[in-house]
Protein backbone atom coordinates (compact mmCIF):
# COMPACT_ATOMS: atom_id res chain seq x y z
CA GLU A 1 0.05 0.28 0.01
CA PRO A 2 1.19 3.58 -0.77
CA SER A 3 1.13 4.30 3.02
CA GLN A 4 3.25 1.46 3.83
CA VAL A 5 5.77 2.41 1.26
CA PHE A 6 5.82 6.02 2.85
CA THR A 7 6.49 4.50 6.30
CA LEU A 8 9.15 2.13 5.08
CA LEU A 9 10.95 4.78 3.00
CA GLU A 10 10.62 7.29 5.76
CA ALA A 11 12.13 4.85 8.38
CA VAL A 12 15.02 3.99 6.02
CA TYR A 13 15.72 7.52 4.88
CA ASN A 14 15.70 8.64 8.41
CA GLY A 15 18.29 5.91 9.30
CA PHE A 16 20.42 6.65 6.47
CA ASP A 17 20.43 10.48 7.44
CA LEU A 18 21.67 9.86 11.09
CA LEU A 19 24.58 7.88 9.57
CA ALA A 20 25.29 10.59 7.00
CA LYS A 21 25.49 13.14 9.50
CA ARG A 22 27.83 11.18 11.69
CA ARG A 23 30.14 10.58 8.96
CA LYS A 24 29.70 13.89 7.22
CA VAL A 25 28.32 12.72 4.01
CA PHE A 26 26.22 14.93 2.26
CA LYS A 27 22.61 13.84 1.12
CA VAL A 28 21.81 15.37 -2.02
CA GLU A 29 18.27 14.06 -2.66
CA THR A 30 15.94 11.12 -2.65
CA VAL A 31 14.04 10.29 -5.93
CA GLY A 32 11.42 7.85 -5.16
CA ASP A 33 13.33 4.57 -3.51
CA CYS A 34 16.74 6.16 -4.65
CA TYR A 35 18.98 7.72 -1.93
CA VAL A 36 21.62 10.07 -3.37
CA ALA A 37 24.56 11.05 -1.36
CA VAL A 38 28.24 12.48 -1.97
CA THR A 39 31.46 13.10 -0.16
CA GLY A 40 33.98 15.64 -0.70
CA LEU A 41 31.18 18.32 -1.40
CA PRO A 42 30.69 20.97 -0.54
CA GLU A 43 33.98 20.83 1.26
CA PRO A 44 36.76 18.83 -0.56
CA THR A 45 37.85 15.73 1.44
CA LYS A 46 40.88 13.68 0.37
CA SER A 47 39.52 10.45 1.94
CA HIS A 48 36.07 10.87 0.30
CA ALA A 49 36.08 7.43 -1.36
CA THR A 50 37.02 5.71 1.96
CA ILE A 51 34.32 7.65 3.76
CA MET A 52 31.61 6.78 1.29
CA ALA A 53 32.64 3.23 1.18
CA GLY A 54 32.18 3.12 5.07
CA PHE A 55 28.93 4.94 4.84
CA ALA A 56 27.73 2.41 2.36
CA ARG A 57 28.64 -0.57 4.58
CA GLU A 58 26.80 0.94 7.55
CA CYS A 59 23.72 1.73 5.34
CA MET A 60 23.76 -2.13 4.25
CA GLU A 61 23.69 -3.01 8.10
CA LYS A 62 21.14 -0.30 9.01
CA PHE A 63 18.74 -1.23 6.24
CA ALA A 64 18.74 -5.06 7.36
CA GLN A 65 18.07 -3.98 10.93
CA LEU A 66 15.14 -1.77 9.78
CA VAL A 67 13.36 -4.18 7.53
CA LYS A 68 13.31 -6.74 10.18
CA ALA A 69 12.04 -4.35 12.73
CA LEU A 70 9.40 -2.93 10.39
CA GLU A 71 8.06 -6.68 9.69
CA THR A 72 5.97 -6.51 12.73
CA THR A 73 4.02 -3.43 11.38
CA LEU A 74 4.31 -3.89 7.59
CA GLY A 75 3.75 -7.57 7.37
CA PRO A 76 5.49 -10.69 5.98
CA ASP A 77 8.28 -10.32 3.32
CA THR A 78 9.41 -7.02 4.74
CA GLY A 79 12.38 -8.55 6.07
CA ASP A 80 13.18 -10.04 2.56
CA LEU A 81 13.69 -6.46 1.11
CA GLY A 82 16.91 -5.51 -0.26
CA ILE A 83 19.03 -2.64 -1.57
CA ARG A 84 21.59 -1.97 -4.19
CA VAL A 85 24.34 0.52 -3.73
CA GLY A 86 26.53 1.93 -6.56
CA ILE A 87 29.64 4.15 -5.93
CA HIS A 88 31.73 6.10 -8.47
CA SER A 89 34.39 8.84 -8.13
CA GLY A 90 35.09 11.81 -10.03
CA PRO A 91 34.67 15.44 -10.88
CA VAL A 92 31.05 17.13 -10.79
CA THR A 93 29.50 20.41 -11.23
CA ALA A 94 27.45 21.20 -8.25
CA GLY A 95 25.46 24.26 -7.19
CA VAL A 96 21.88 25.72 -6.13
CA LEU A 97 19.62 26.24 -9.21
CA ARG A 98 17.56 29.46 -8.41
CA GLY A 99 13.90 29.47 -8.66
CA ASP A 100 10.87 27.96 -6.65
CA LYS A 101 12.10 25.20 -4.45
CA SER A 102 15.66 25.73 -5.22
CA ARG A 103 17.93 23.08 -3.98
CA PHE A 104 21.54 21.74 -4.24
CA GLN A 105 22.19 19.58 -7.32
CA LEU A 106 25.02 17.63 -9.04
CA PHE A 107 25.63 17.48 -12.65
CA GLY A 108 28.00 15.67 -14.85
CA ASP A 109 29.33 12.37 -16.25
CA THR A 110 30.39 11.33 -12.63
CA VAL A 111 26.68 11.39 -11.60
CA ASN A 112 25.46 9.29 -14.61
CA THR A 113 28.29 6.68 -14.09
CA ALA A 114 27.44 6.26 -10.43
CA SER A 115 23.85 5.51 -11.49
CA ARG A 116 24.91 3.04 -14.16
CA VAL A 117 27.11 1.18 -11.44
CA GLU A 118 24.19 1.03 -9.07
CA SER A 119 21.72 -0.28 -11.65
CA THR A 120 24.14 -3.08 -12.84
CA GLY A 121 24.58 -4.06 -9.33
CA GLN A 122 23.18 -6.97 -7.19
CA ARG A 123 20.63 -7.08 -4.30
CA ASN A 124 22.42 -6.35 -0.92
CA ARG A 125 25.85 -5.69 -2.50
CA ILE A 126 27.89 -2.56 -2.77
CA HIS A 127 29.19 -2.13 -6.44
CA LEU A 128 32.13 0.06 -7.15
CA SER A 129 33.63 1.63 -10.25
CA GLU A 130 37.45 0.93 -11.11
CA GLU A 131 37.95 4.54 -10.03
CA THR A 132 36.60 4.14 -6.74
CA ALA A 133 38.23 0.82 -6.26
CA ASP A 134 41.58 2.51 -7.05
CA LEU A 135 41.26 5.28 -4.56
CA LEU A 136 40.36 2.66 -1.96
CA ALA A 137 43.36 0.57 -2.64
CA ILE A 138 45.66 3.78 -2.44
CA ALA A 139 44.04 4.33 0.83
CA GLY A 140 45.19 0.77 2.16
CA LYS A 141 41.75 -0.71 1.69
CA SER A 142 42.51 -3.38 -0.79
CA HIS A 143 41.25 -6.05 1.43
CA TRP A 144 37.81 -4.42 1.21
CA LEU A 145 37.74 -5.15 -2.59
CA LYS A 146 36.67 -8.15 -4.72
CA ARG A 147 37.16 -7.94 -8.39
CA ARG A 148 33.98 -8.75 -10.33
CA ASP A 149 34.37 -11.68 -12.57
CA GLN A 150 32.64 -10.21 -15.57
CA LEU A 151 32.69 -6.81 -17.22
CA VAL A 152 29.29 -5.24 -16.85
CA THR A 153 27.73 -3.45 -19.88
CA ALA A 154 26.57 0.18 -18.89
CA LYS A 155 24.16 2.18 -20.90
CA GLY A 156 26.39 4.91 -22.77
CA LYS A 157 29.61 3.61 -21.15
CA GLY A 158 30.10 0.21 -22.85
CA LYS A 159 32.07 -2.45 -21.09
CA LEU A 160 33.30 -1.58 -17.46
CA GLN A 161 35.61 -3.46 -14.96
CA THR A 162 33.93 -3.04 -11.62
CA TYR A 163 34.43 -4.44 -8.09
CA TRP A 164 32.31 -5.47 -5.17
CA LEU A 165 32.87 -3.83 -1.74
CA MET A 166 32.91 -6.69 0.78
CA THR A 167 30.72 -6.36 3.79
CA LYS A 168 32.11 -6.60 7.33
CA GLU A 169 30.69 -10.21 7.46
CA GLU A 170 32.34 -11.09 4.15
CA GLU A 171 35.61 -9.46 5.25
CA ALA A 172 35.60 -11.82 8.27
CA GLY A 173 34.95 -14.99 6.25
CA VAL A 174 31.18 -15.37 6.80
CA LYS A 175 29.51 -16.65 3.85
CA ILE A 176 26.54 -14.27 2.69
CA SER A 177 23.71 -15.24 0.15
CA HIS A 178 22.84 -12.14 -1.99
CA ASN A 179 20.06 -13.99 -3.92
CA SER A 180 17.61 -13.97 -1.10
CA GLY A 181 16.33 -11.78 1.58
CA SER A 182 16.91 -12.05 5.22
CA ALA A 183 13.99 -14.45 5.96
CA ASP A 184 14.77 -17.49 8.21
CA LYS A 185 15.39 -20.61 5.84
CA PRO A 186 13.85 -23.87 6.07
CA SER A 187 15.91 -26.60 7.85
CA GLU A 188 18.63 -28.19 5.80
CA ASP A 189 20.82 -31.33 6.48
CA ALA A 190 24.55 -31.79 5.88
CA SER A 191 23.93 -32.38 2.18
CA GLY A 192 22.19 -29.21 1.56
CA ALA A 193 18.85 -30.92 1.15
CA PHE A 194 15.78 -29.63 2.93
CA LYS A 195 14.21 -31.73 5.68
CA ASN A 196 10.58 -32.05 6.32
CA VAL A 197 10.40 -32.13 10.00
CA PRO A 198 8.16 -30.66 12.76
CA SER A 199 9.15 -27.49 14.32
CA GLY A 200 11.44 -27.13 17.12
CA ILE A 201 8.48 -26.98 19.74
CA ALA A 202 6.83 -30.07 18.42
CA GLU A 203 9.96 -31.92 18.98
CA SER A 204 10.39 -30.57 22.57
CA SER A 205 8.46 -31.50 25.70
CA LEU A 206 6.80 -28.04 25.50
CA ASP A 207 3.17 -28.41 26.44
CA LEU A 208 1.11 -25.73 24.58
CA THR A 209 -1.82 -26.09 27.01
CA SER A 210 0.45 -25.04 30.16
CA ASN A 211 3.69 -23.38 29.25
CA SER A 212 3.77 -19.27 29.20
CA LEU A 213 4.02 -17.06 26.11
CA GLU A 214 7.70 -16.49 27.08
CA GLU A 215 8.44 -20.19 26.93
CA ILE A 216 6.79 -20.78 23.68
CA GLU A 217 8.24 -17.65 22.11
CA MET A 218 11.78 -18.85 23.13
CA LEU A 219 11.64 -21.71 20.88
CA LEU A 220 10.30 -19.72 17.95
CA PRO A 221 12.86 -18.45 15.25
CA PRO A 222 13.45 -14.67 15.28
CA LYS A 223 11.56 -14.07 12.07
CA THR A 224 8.53 -16.09 13.36
CA ARG A 225 8.31 -14.06 16.56
CA ARG A 226 8.18 -10.95 14.39
CA LEU A 227 5.51 -12.37 12.08
CA CYS A 228 3.61 -13.37 15.42
CA GLN A 229 3.56 -9.68 16.44
CA TRP A 230 2.28 -8.62 12.97
CA ASN A 231 -0.45 -11.27 13.21
CA VAL A 232 -1.34 -10.04 16.66
CA ASP A 233 -1.67 -6.38 15.53
CA VAL A 234 -3.83 -7.50 12.59
CA LEU A 235 -6.13 -9.50 14.76
CA ALA A 236 -6.58 -6.90 17.47
CA ARG A 237 -7.46 -4.20 15.01
CA LEU A 238 -10.22 -6.27 13.67
CA LEU A 239 -11.41 -7.43 17.13
CA LYS A 240 -11.69 -3.66 18.15
CA GLN A 241 -14.20 -3.36 15.12
CA ILE A 242 -16.09 -6.35 16.56
CA VAL A 243 -16.26 -4.66 19.95
CA ALA A 244 -17.43 -1.30 18.40
CA HIS A 245 -19.96 -3.00 16.27
CA ARG A 246 -21.31 -4.82 19.31
CA LEU A 247 -21.43 -1.71 21.38
CA ALA A 248 -23.33 0.12 18.66
CA ILE A 249 -26.15 -2.39 18.46
CA ASN A 250 -26.15 -2.38 22.36
CA GLU A 251 -25.79 -6.17 22.98
CA GLY A 252 -23.62 -7.59 25.59
CA SER A 253 -23.17 -10.99 26.99
CA LYS A 254 -27.00 -11.00 28.38
CA GLY A 255 -26.48 -14.12 30.34
CA TRP A 256 -25.31 -16.35 27.65
CA GLU A 257 -22.35 -17.78 29.41
CA ASN A 258 -24.03 -21.27 30.07
CA GLU A 259 -25.31 -21.56 26.64
CA LEU A 260 -21.98 -20.62 25.22
CA THR A 261 -20.15 -23.25 27.24
CA LYS A 262 -22.63 -25.79 26.26
CA ARG A 263 -22.54 -24.98 22.49
CA GLU A 264 -18.50 -25.02 22.63
CA GLN A 265 -18.65 -28.35 23.93
CA GLU A 266 -21.12 -29.67 21.49
CA ILE A 267 -18.75 -28.31 18.67
CA ARG A 268 -15.71 -29.94 20.14
CA ARG A 269 -17.29 -33.32 19.97
CA GLN A 270 -17.87 -32.96 16.34
CA ILE A 271 -15.06 -34.75 14.44
CA SER A 272 -16.02 -34.22 10.74
CA VAL A 273 -15.42 -30.72 9.90
CA LEU A 274 -16.28 -31.38 6.11
CA ASP A 275 -19.84 -32.15 7.28
CA GLU A 276 -20.30 -28.61 8.57
CA VAL A 277 -19.75 -26.81 5.13
CA VAL A 278 -22.86 -25.21 4.03
CA GLU A 279 -23.76 -23.55 0.59
CA ILE A 280 -25.13 -20.29 2.34
CA ILE A 281 -23.86 -18.58 5.51
CA PRO A 282 -26.61 -16.19 6.60
CA LEU A 283 -24.69 -12.81 7.22
CA PRO A 284 -26.32 -9.99 9.39
CA GLY A 285 -27.75 -7.14 7.25
CA PHE A 286 -26.41 -3.53 7.24
CA ASP A 287 -28.14 -1.23 9.85
CA GLU A 288 -27.36 2.49 8.76
CA ARG A 289 -28.34 3.68 12.49
CA VAL A 290 -26.10 1.04 14.07
CA HIS A 291 -23.32 2.18 11.52
CA LYS A 292 -23.66 5.72 12.64
CA ARG A 293 -23.59 4.92 16.32
CA GLU A 294 -20.50 3.19 16.05
CA GLN A 295 -17.50 4.71 17.55
CA ASP A 296 -13.94 4.75 15.94
CA PRO A 297 -12.59 1.35 16.45
CA ASN A 298 -9.04 2.80 16.96
CA LYS A 299 -10.21 4.33 20.24
CA ILE A 300 -11.42 0.96 21.57
CA GLU A 301 -9.05 -0.42 24.17
CA LEU A 302 -8.96 -4.13 24.55
CA SER A 303 -8.02 -5.34 28.02
CA LYS A 304 -4.45 -6.65 28.97
CA GLN A 305 -6.01 -10.09 29.42
CA VAL A 306 -7.50 -10.04 25.91
CA MET A 307 -4.26 -8.72 24.43
CA ASP A 308 -2.06 -11.31 26.28
CA GLN A 309 -4.38 -14.11 25.25
CA ILE A 310 -4.24 -13.07 21.52
CA ARG A 311 -0.25 -13.09 21.68
CA LEU A 312 -0.42 -16.57 23.31
CA TYR A 313 -2.93 -18.01 21.07
CA VAL A 314 -0.86 -16.64 17.87
CA ALA A 315 2.43 -18.01 19.36
CA CYS A 316 0.52 -21.33 19.93
CA ILE A 317 -0.52 -21.61 16.32
CA ALA A 318 2.88 -20.56 14.96
CA SER A 319 4.59 -23.37 17.06
CA MET A 320 2.22 -25.92 15.66
CA TYR A 321 3.30 -25.35 11.96
CA ARG A 322 5.93 -27.62 10.81
CA ASP A 323 9.26 -26.72 9.53
CA ASN A 324 8.29 -27.17 5.82
CA PRO A 325 9.83 -25.15 3.07
CA PHE A 326 6.37 -24.00 1.80
CA HIS A 327 3.66 -24.94 4.01
CA ASN A 328 4.92 -23.09 7.16
CA PHE A 329 3.84 -19.96 9.24
CA ASP A 330 5.61 -17.62 6.97
CA HIS A 331 3.24 -18.88 4.17
CA ALA A 332 0.27 -18.61 6.39
CA SER A 333 1.01 -15.08 7.32
CA HIS A 334 1.62 -14.27 3.56
CA VAL A 335 -2.13 -15.71 2.96
CA MET A 336 -3.42 -13.66 5.81
CA MET A 337 -1.81 -10.38 4.39
CA SER A 338 -3.29 -11.20 0.99
CA VAL A 339 -6.75 -11.78 2.36
CA SER A 340 -6.38 -8.62 4.34
CA LYS A 341 -5.64 -6.68 1.19
CA LEU A 342 -8.46 -8.32 -0.77
CA LEU A 343 -10.91 -7.28 1.90
CA SER A 344 -9.58 -3.91 1.79
CA ARG A 345 -10.53 -3.55 -1.61
CA ILE A 346 -14.09 -4.42 -1.08
CA VAL A 347 -16.33 -1.36 -1.19
CA ALA A 348 -17.19 -0.36 2.34
CA ALA A 349 -20.36 1.12 3.71
CA ASP A 350 -18.78 4.52 4.15
CA ASP A 351 -17.89 4.59 0.38
CA VAL A 352 -21.50 4.00 -0.38
CA LEU A 353 -22.71 6.49 2.09
CA ASP A 354 -20.27 9.31 1.01
CA GLY A 355 -20.88 8.61 -2.63
CA SER A 356 -24.62 8.77 -2.73
CA GLU A 357 -26.28 12.05 -2.75
CA ASN A 358 -29.68 10.39 -1.68
CA ALA A 359 -27.93 7.96 0.67
CA ALA A 360 -29.51 9.59 3.95
CA THR A 361 -33.09 9.53 2.56
CA SER A 362 -32.94 6.22 0.82
CA ASP A 363 -35.32 3.71 2.45
CA ASP A 364 -33.53 0.73 0.88
CA LEU A 365 -30.08 1.92 1.78
CA GLY A 366 -29.28 -0.75 4.19
CA TRP A 367 -29.98 -3.69 1.70
CA SER A 368 -28.32 -1.66 -1.25
CA ILE A 369 -25.09 -1.58 0.68
CA HIS A 370 -25.53 -5.14 1.95
CA ASP A 371 -26.24 -6.19 -1.46
CA HIS A 372 -23.59 -4.25 -3.08
CA THR A 373 -20.89 -6.03 -1.05
CA TYR A 374 -22.93 -9.21 -0.41
CA GLY A 375 -22.74 -8.42 3.47
CA ILE A 376 -19.01 -9.05 3.60
CA THR A 377 -18.46 -5.49 5.03
CA SER A 378 -21.53 -5.28 6.99
CA ASP A 379 -20.16 -7.65 9.48
CA PRO A 380 -16.82 -7.24 11.17
CA MET A 381 -16.83 -10.75 12.51
CA THR A 382 -17.02 -11.84 8.97
CA GLN A 383 -13.66 -10.16 8.10
CA PHE A 384 -12.01 -11.16 11.50
CA THR A 385 -12.86 -14.80 10.90
CA VAL A 386 -11.69 -15.06 7.44
CA ILE A 387 -8.37 -13.60 8.23
CA LEU A 388 -7.94 -15.82 11.46
CA ALA A 389 -8.82 -18.85 9.11
CA ALA A 390 -5.99 -17.84 6.79
CA MET A 391 -3.72 -17.85 9.77
CA ILE A 392 -4.64 -21.48 10.98
CA HIS A 393 -5.33 -23.08 7.56
CA ASP A 394 -2.08 -25.12 7.26
CA VAL A 395 -1.55 -25.89 10.85
CA ASP A 396 0.46 -29.13 11.37
CA HIS A 397 0.76 -29.56 7.46
CA SER A 398 3.05 -32.55 7.02
CA GLY A 399 4.52 -31.46 3.75
CA VAL A 400 2.63 -33.96 1.60
CA SER A 401 -0.81 -33.93 -0.28
CA ASN A 402 -3.96 -35.23 0.94
CA THR A 403 -3.75 -38.11 -1.71
CA GLN A 404 -0.47 -39.22 -0.22
CA LEU A 405 -1.98 -39.37 3.32
CA ILE A 406 -4.84 -41.38 2.05
CA LYS A 407 -2.58 -43.68 0.04
CA GLU A 408 -0.28 -44.23 3.05
CA GLY A 409 -3.55 -45.10 5.28
CA ASN A 410 -2.43 -42.25 7.81
CA LYS A 411 -4.37 -42.36 10.73
CA LEU A 412 -5.65 -38.77 10.06
CA ALA A 413 -6.84 -40.00 6.80
CA ASN A 414 -8.96 -42.62 8.50
CA LEU A 415 -10.07 -40.27 11.20
CA PHE A 416 -11.39 -37.69 8.48
CA LYS A 417 -12.61 -40.54 6.15
CA ASN A 418 -10.20 -39.63 3.36
CA LYS A 419 -11.71 -36.24 2.71
CA SER A 420 -9.83 -32.76 3.13
CA VAL A 421 -7.63 -34.65 5.66
CA ALA A 422 -5.07 -31.66 6.02
CA GLU A 423 -7.62 -28.95 6.17
CA GLN A 424 -9.91 -30.64 8.70
CA ASN A 425 -6.91 -31.72 10.90
CA SER A 426 -5.73 -27.90 10.78
CA THR A 427 -9.29 -26.75 11.87
CA VAL A 428 -9.62 -29.18 14.61
CA LEU A 429 -6.20 -28.51 16.00
CA ALA A 430 -6.58 -24.78 15.89
CA TRP A 431 -10.11 -24.84 17.47
CA ASP A 432 -9.13 -27.23 20.27
CA ILE A 433 -6.46 -24.70 21.26
CA LEU A 434 -8.88 -21.69 21.08
CA MET A 435 -11.11 -23.62 23.45
CA ASP A 436 -8.48 -23.94 26.12
CA PRO A 437 -9.73 -22.13 29.21
CA ARG A 438 -6.61 -19.63 29.03
CA PHE A 439 -8.46 -18.14 26.07
CA GLN A 440 -11.69 -17.46 27.75
CA ASP A 441 -11.50 -13.64 27.44
CA PHE A 442 -10.28 -13.70 23.87
CA ARG A 443 -13.31 -16.13 22.94
CA ARG A 444 -15.85 -13.97 24.67
CA THR A 445 -14.55 -10.93 22.74
CA ILE A 446 -15.09 -12.74 19.43
CA TYR A 447 -18.53 -13.89 20.07
CA ALA A 448 -20.76 -12.99 23.14
CA ALA A 449 -23.96 -14.96 22.22
CA PRO A 450 -24.61 -18.35 20.75
CA TYR A 451 -25.74 -17.13 17.39
CA GLU A 452 -22.31 -15.10 17.02
CA LEU A 453 -20.58 -18.39 17.93
CA ASP A 454 -22.49 -20.27 15.27
CA ARG A 455 -21.53 -17.84 12.68
CA PHE A 456 -18.10 -17.56 13.80
CA ARG A 457 -17.61 -21.51 13.47
CA GLN A 458 -19.36 -21.64 10.13
CA LEU A 459 -17.29 -19.04 8.74
CA MET A 460 -14.28 -20.74 10.05
CA THR A 461 -15.02 -24.12 8.58
CA ASN A 462 -16.18 -22.93 5.12
CA THR A 463 -13.13 -20.78 4.84
CA VAL A 464 -10.44 -23.29 5.71
CA LEU A 465 -12.19 -26.26 3.74
CA ALA A 466 -12.06 -24.07 0.76
CA THR A 467 -8.32 -24.26 0.67
CA ASP A 468 -8.73 -27.89 -0.42
CA ILE A 469 -8.60 -27.33 -4.31
CA MET A 470 -7.38 -30.65 -5.23
CA ASP A 471 -10.42 -32.64 -4.40
CA LYS A 472 -12.48 -33.29 -7.47
CA GLU A 473 -15.84 -33.64 -5.70
CA LEU A 474 -15.40 -30.46 -3.73
CA GLN A 475 -14.25 -28.57 -6.85
CA THR A 476 -17.64 -29.64 -8.60
CA ARG A 477 -19.56 -28.36 -5.88
CA ARG A 478 -18.07 -25.20 -5.64
CA ARG A 479 -18.35 -24.48 -9.27
CA ASN A 480 -22.05 -25.54 -8.90
CA ARG A 481 -22.46 -23.05 -6.01
CA TRP A 482 -20.71 -20.29 -8.09
CA ASP A 483 -22.92 -20.96 -11.01
CA ALA A 484 -26.10 -20.93 -8.70
CA ALA A 485 -24.84 -17.70 -7.12
CA PHE A 486 -23.86 -15.81 -10.45
CA ASN A 487 -25.35 -17.75 -13.41
CA THR A 488 -28.50 -18.68 -12.31
CA ASN A 489 -31.59 -18.10 -14.35
CA PRO A 490 -33.23 -14.97 -12.99
CA ALA A 491 -36.63 -16.70 -13.40
CA LEU A 492 -35.79 -19.06 -10.71
CA SER A 493 -37.12 -18.02 -7.33
CA GLU A 494 -34.91 -17.50 -4.39
CA ALA A 495 -35.40 -15.06 -1.36
CA THR A 496 -33.15 -11.88 -1.68
CA LYS A 497 -31.35 -12.53 1.43
CA ASP A 498 -30.64 -15.99 0.47
CA LYS A 499 -29.29 -14.84 -3.01
CA VAL A 500 -27.12 -12.19 -1.31
CA ASN A 501 -25.79 -14.58 1.31
CA ARG A 502 -25.20 -17.25 -1.22
CA LYS A 503 -22.92 -14.80 -3.31
CA ALA A 504 -21.07 -13.77 0.06
CA THR A 505 -20.35 -17.31 0.87
CA ILE A 506 -18.93 -18.33 -2.36
CA VAL A 507 -16.81 -15.07 -2.67
CA ILE A 508 -15.45 -15.69 0.55
CA GLU A 509 -14.39 -19.28 -0.47
CA HIS A 510 -12.74 -17.91 -3.72
CA LEU A 511 -11.18 -15.06 -1.75
CA ILE A 512 -9.25 -17.52 0.39
CA GLN A 513 -8.37 -19.62 -2.48
CA ALA A 514 -6.78 -16.69 -4.33
CA SER A 515 -4.88 -15.65 -1.35
CA ASP A 516 -3.52 -19.21 -0.86
CA VAL A 517 -1.89 -18.78 -4.25
CA ALA A 518 -1.22 -15.04 -4.00
CA HIS A 519 2.25 -15.51 -4.90
CA THR A 520 1.18 -16.28 -8.41
CA MET A 521 -0.33 -12.95 -8.76
CA GLN A 522 2.20 -10.69 -7.19
CA HIS A 523 5.87 -9.35 -8.04
CA TRP A 524 7.95 -11.74 -10.05
CA HIS A 525 10.51 -12.09 -7.17
CA ILE A 526 7.80 -13.08 -4.85
CA TYR A 527 6.53 -15.68 -7.26
CA CYS A 528 10.20 -17.30 -7.66
CA LYS A 529 10.67 -17.26 -3.81
CA TRP A 530 7.56 -19.32 -3.18
CA ASN A 531 7.55 -21.43 -6.23
CA GLU A 532 11.20 -22.47 -5.35
CA ARG A 533 9.97 -23.33 -1.78
CA LEU A 534 7.12 -25.39 -3.07
CA PHE A 535 9.57 -27.13 -5.55
CA GLN A 536 11.94 -27.99 -2.48
CA GLU A 537 8.90 -29.32 -0.39
CA MET A 538 7.71 -31.67 -3.19
CA ALA A 539 11.46 -32.74 -3.80
CA VAL A 540 11.67 -33.71 -0.10
CA ALA A 541 8.60 -35.72 -0.44
CA TYR A 542 9.72 -37.30 -3.64
CA LYS A 543 13.14 -38.41 -2.06
CA ALA A 544 11.28 -39.76 0.89
CA GLY A 545 9.14 -41.78 -1.39
CA ARG A 546 5.91 -39.77 -0.42
CA LEU A 547 5.47 -38.24 -4.03
CA ALA A 548 4.76 -40.47 -7.07
CA PHE A 549 6.54 -38.31 -9.51
CA ASN A 550 9.64 -36.33 -9.72
CA PRO A 551 8.76 -32.49 -9.49
CA ALA A 552 11.71 -31.70 -11.64
CA GLU A 553 10.18 -33.41 -14.62
CA LYS A 554 7.71 -31.05 -16.42
CA TRP A 555 7.76 -28.48 -13.69
CA TYR A 556 7.33 -25.66 -16.19
CA GLU A 557 4.55 -27.25 -17.97
CA GLY A 558 2.97 -28.10 -14.79
CA GLU A 559 3.15 -24.29 -13.65
CA ILE A 560 1.68 -23.29 -17.10
CA GLY A 561 -1.25 -25.71 -16.74
CA PHE A 562 -1.70 -24.33 -13.01
CA PHE A 563 -2.16 -20.81 -14.27
CA ASP A 564 -4.35 -21.62 -17.18
CA ASN A 565 -6.66 -24.13 -15.41
CA TYR A 566 -6.73 -22.45 -11.94
CA VAL A 567 -5.21 -19.09 -11.22
CA ILE A 568 -6.57 -17.22 -14.29
CA PRO A 569 -10.14 -18.45 -14.05
CA LEU A 570 -10.11 -17.75 -10.34
CA ALA A 571 -8.77 -14.36 -10.84
CA LYS A 572 -11.49 -13.67 -13.35
CA LYS A 573 -14.27 -14.83 -10.98
CA LEU A 574 -13.10 -12.44 -8.42
CA LYS A 575 -12.89 -9.59 -10.93
CA ASN A 576 -16.45 -10.41 -12.29
CA CYS A 577 -18.16 -10.88 -8.91
CA GLY A 578 -18.26 -7.16 -8.77
CA VAL A 579 -17.57 -6.47 -5.09
CA PHE A 580 -13.94 -5.14 -5.36
CA GLY A 581 -13.71 -1.37 -5.88
CA VAL A 582 -10.19 -1.35 -7.18
CA ALA A 583 -9.03 -4.07 -9.55
């Protein structure tokens, strides 16, 4: 989001400014995501190349620290961001151009060459021209330099011999990967092959039902702890919306505790989650009066008990994810972020109220808004539950397909009658943890009445089970539901509320499906990152005899087929359903 880009650049540039001030480096300007700085100006400095090289190394370190810290607020993959640095030395023309908003500027071939050196560099590396490298060698810093193996072709410059400036870690002999971000890697054995093993917590004697948050977090990798904090912030923000909505309709617990406890016990006794999936989930309609009474959710204060329980629950869920290359907590957080972004694209009630001149006097305003968004934005619980479902949808995933679990006669396959094995298992495990007495306050904030509990449960099961895209019977049923919702003969009679809720139910299912493969619709480097991880996970299964085919064979053809037969049709459905205000 533009606001997130602003937050990122503001933090990074502020960090670089502090380093520049300490090293007496002159910041010339920033152009988008490009930071331009110079040494030897405005006052000449003999050691300008050494100062700039030291500044560049510190900037690399500072950037790595900042993106890791920002992961808790900007979300997954922030820690994977990298930068390129290019340095060239030579004469420039400098001065202040007169006129409105006058500023100090640099001109000359040296500036152009520095730009070419940067653009032909690599992520997380400092690229030097030969002129700068020579100055560093004269200053006794030859040990900082590494000659680039190949000449680079720079626009307008032809072939150039360039050098890499070694980071402090490289200088000390620590091997650094420049092809990936700072994300924690899946486990590898001595041969370099990825292992499919449970997480450290699963292998330990830690009891999720009795150990403290600190004890659980201690065994989580640093990146997972950062992702946990981001997940907590997202859930807390949505939970505040639920509270604000409940206060606006003036509904409290009303003595529902006994009935809620009884209903929770009944749900826990249900084994087959798949049997709970329905074609239509009734969502509450839009009430304009309630909407106008709602206070700003940002002003809602969740109690310390609730916040502590959210943190503990997220940590427990994170610890239940296995150390797979693909189906891990990092993936779940990425899906959660994608769901959140798609939900933010749905036209909200405020947009309709502000955009309609007759909104205040329209008798059908409530249902027109509800109908326009299929009720998805009318109920904060709907959004909260879909995002929570994204977080828990692959809990305890074993790294192999449902087909393989069934073929092996796995006990889970037998328990769930060979249908949606992994998805039902994830739902049961995550629900059982939520029902632990330690999460009483968290649960009562999510739902305060039996009908809220039932809607929460229904949304959870439908959403998680929708991520099983390989079961042909379920695929057929979903296709029929979509046709019934959007391609039905208008002459067929169905109550208006049922039509709207049918559409909402199937849109939510397709929304989580799109988010589950969101890496196929995002930037190229994101696609490559997750596609490689998926290949690694399948390769592990193949080597262990748990996959019938070698993924290396016809991988490219398989990806093309997946796009043609699943990703593109899914994207078209989401576009054509009409609820998204921005493409």
